[in-house]
Protein backbone atom coordinates (compact mmCIF):
# COMPACT_ATOMS: atom_id res chain seq x y z
CA UNK A 1 113.78 128.06 100.09
CA UNK A 2 116.25 126.76 97.50
CA UNK A 3 117.66 130.24 96.58
CA UNK A 4 118.40 130.95 100.25
CA UNK A 5 119.99 127.56 100.69
CA UNK A 6 122.22 128.13 97.63
CA UNK A 7 123.25 131.66 98.81
CA UNK A 8 124.23 130.17 102.23
CA UNK A 9 126.21 127.42 100.55
CA UNK A 10 128.01 129.94 98.40
CA UNK A 11 129.05 132.00 101.47
CA UNK A 12 130.24 128.94 103.31
CA UNK A 13 132.16 127.57 100.37
CA UNK A 14 134.16 130.81 100.08
CA UNK A 15 136.01 129.91 103.26
CA UNK A 16 136.06 126.15 102.73
CA UNK A 17 135.03 124.52 99.46
CA UNK A 18 134.89 121.17 101.19
CA UNK A 19 131.69 122.33 102.74
CA UNK A 20 130.09 122.71 99.36
CA UNK A 21 131.31 119.32 98.30
CA UNK A 22 129.78 117.71 101.32
CA UNK A 23 126.49 119.45 100.87
CA UNK A 24 126.40 118.58 97.08
CA UNK A 25 127.25 114.94 97.88
CA UNK A 26 124.49 114.83 100.53
CA UNK A 27 121.96 115.34 97.66
CA UNK A 28 119.85 118.41 98.63
CA UNK A 29 119.70 119.42 95.06
CA UNK A 30 117.73 116.25 94.18
CA UNK A 31 115.16 116.95 96.79
CA UNK A 32 114.92 120.69 96.49
CA UNK A 33 112.69 122.33 93.85
CA UNK A 34 115.24 124.26 91.85
CA UNK A 35 114.26 126.78 89.30
CA UNK A 36 116.46 128.13 86.52
CA UNK A 37 117.54 131.11 88.58
CA UNK A 38 118.72 128.86 91.41
CA UNK A 39 120.63 126.70 88.93
CA UNK A 40 122.30 129.90 87.57
CA UNK A 41 123.44 130.84 91.09
CA UNK A 42 125.16 127.50 91.38
CA UNK A 43 127.18 127.70 88.21
CA UNK A 44 130.15 129.75 89.55
CA UNK A 45 130.58 127.41 92.45
CA UNK A 46 130.46 124.37 90.22
CA UNK A 47 132.96 125.96 87.83
CA UNK A 48 135.43 126.56 90.65
CA UNK A 49 134.96 122.95 91.88
CA UNK A 50 135.61 121.60 88.33
CA UNK A 51 138.99 123.38 88.39
CA UNK A 52 140.03 121.83 91.71
CA UNK A 53 143.08 119.66 92.13
CA UNK A 54 140.92 117.25 94.24
CA UNK A 55 139.02 114.43 92.35
CA UNK A 56 136.21 114.43 95.00
CA UNK A 57 135.49 118.14 94.33
CA UNK A 58 135.51 117.59 90.55
CA UNK A 59 133.23 114.53 90.75
CA UNK A 60 130.79 116.37 93.05
CA UNK A 61 130.59 119.27 90.47
CA UNK A 62 130.12 116.79 87.64
CA UNK A 63 127.32 115.09 89.53
CA UNK A 64 125.62 118.44 90.29
CA UNK A 65 126.02 119.60 86.64
CA UNK A 66 124.51 116.32 85.40
CA UNK A 67 121.48 116.88 87.69
CA UNK A 68 121.08 120.45 86.41
CA UNK A 69 121.30 119.29 82.83
CA UNK A 70 118.73 116.57 83.38
CA UNK A 71 116.46 119.12 85.07
CA UNK A 72 116.88 122.04 82.74
CA UNK A 73 118.19 120.73 79.47
CA UNK A 74 114.74 120.65 77.88
CA UNK A 75 113.85 124.09 79.12
CA UNK A 76 117.16 125.55 77.76
CA UNK A 77 116.76 123.76 74.42
CA UNK A 78 113.12 124.81 74.00
CA UNK A 79 113.92 128.39 75.01
CA UNK A 80 116.64 128.71 72.47
CA UNK A 81 114.31 127.17 69.89
CA UNK A 82 111.48 129.60 70.83
CA UNK A 83 113.75 132.65 70.87
CA UNK A 84 114.83 131.98 67.22
CA UNK A 85 111.18 131.67 66.02
CA UNK A 86 109.57 134.46 68.12
CA UNK A 87 106.68 136.20 66.49
CA UNK A 88 105.54 139.72 66.48
CA UNK A 89 105.71 141.66 69.73
CA UNK A 90 107.89 141.33 72.83
CA UNK A 91 107.69 138.40 75.28
CA UNK A 92 109.39 139.74 78.37
CA UNK A 93 109.16 136.47 80.17
CA UNK A 94 110.73 134.60 77.29
CA UNK A 95 113.54 137.21 77.00
CA UNK A 96 114.29 136.87 80.74
CA UNK A 97 114.32 133.05 80.49
CA UNK A 98 116.52 133.20 77.35
CA UNK A 99 119.06 135.37 79.20
CA UNK A 100 119.21 132.90 82.13
CA UNK A 101 119.57 129.99 79.66
CA UNK A 102 122.55 131.81 77.93
């Protein structure tokens, strides 16, 4: 379960960010089926790693963000485009996806 793995990673990284870097470098994000919600859970961790003084932490965050962008860039772009041109009625699934994309 990718969400469970990410939540565990977030808990472990609070005490030692090096754990998160090691896990990100090991590549589980590439072999895990992430959804947009899982990607959203990762963003605060990646943001903190980007602000690190250690180059290895920053590079791990950049690599993970690059993977997320490749995986979800099309979804985010099409969601923004769809939200601008929505028709009559309310599409709750689109609204929810739009909020996650923001």
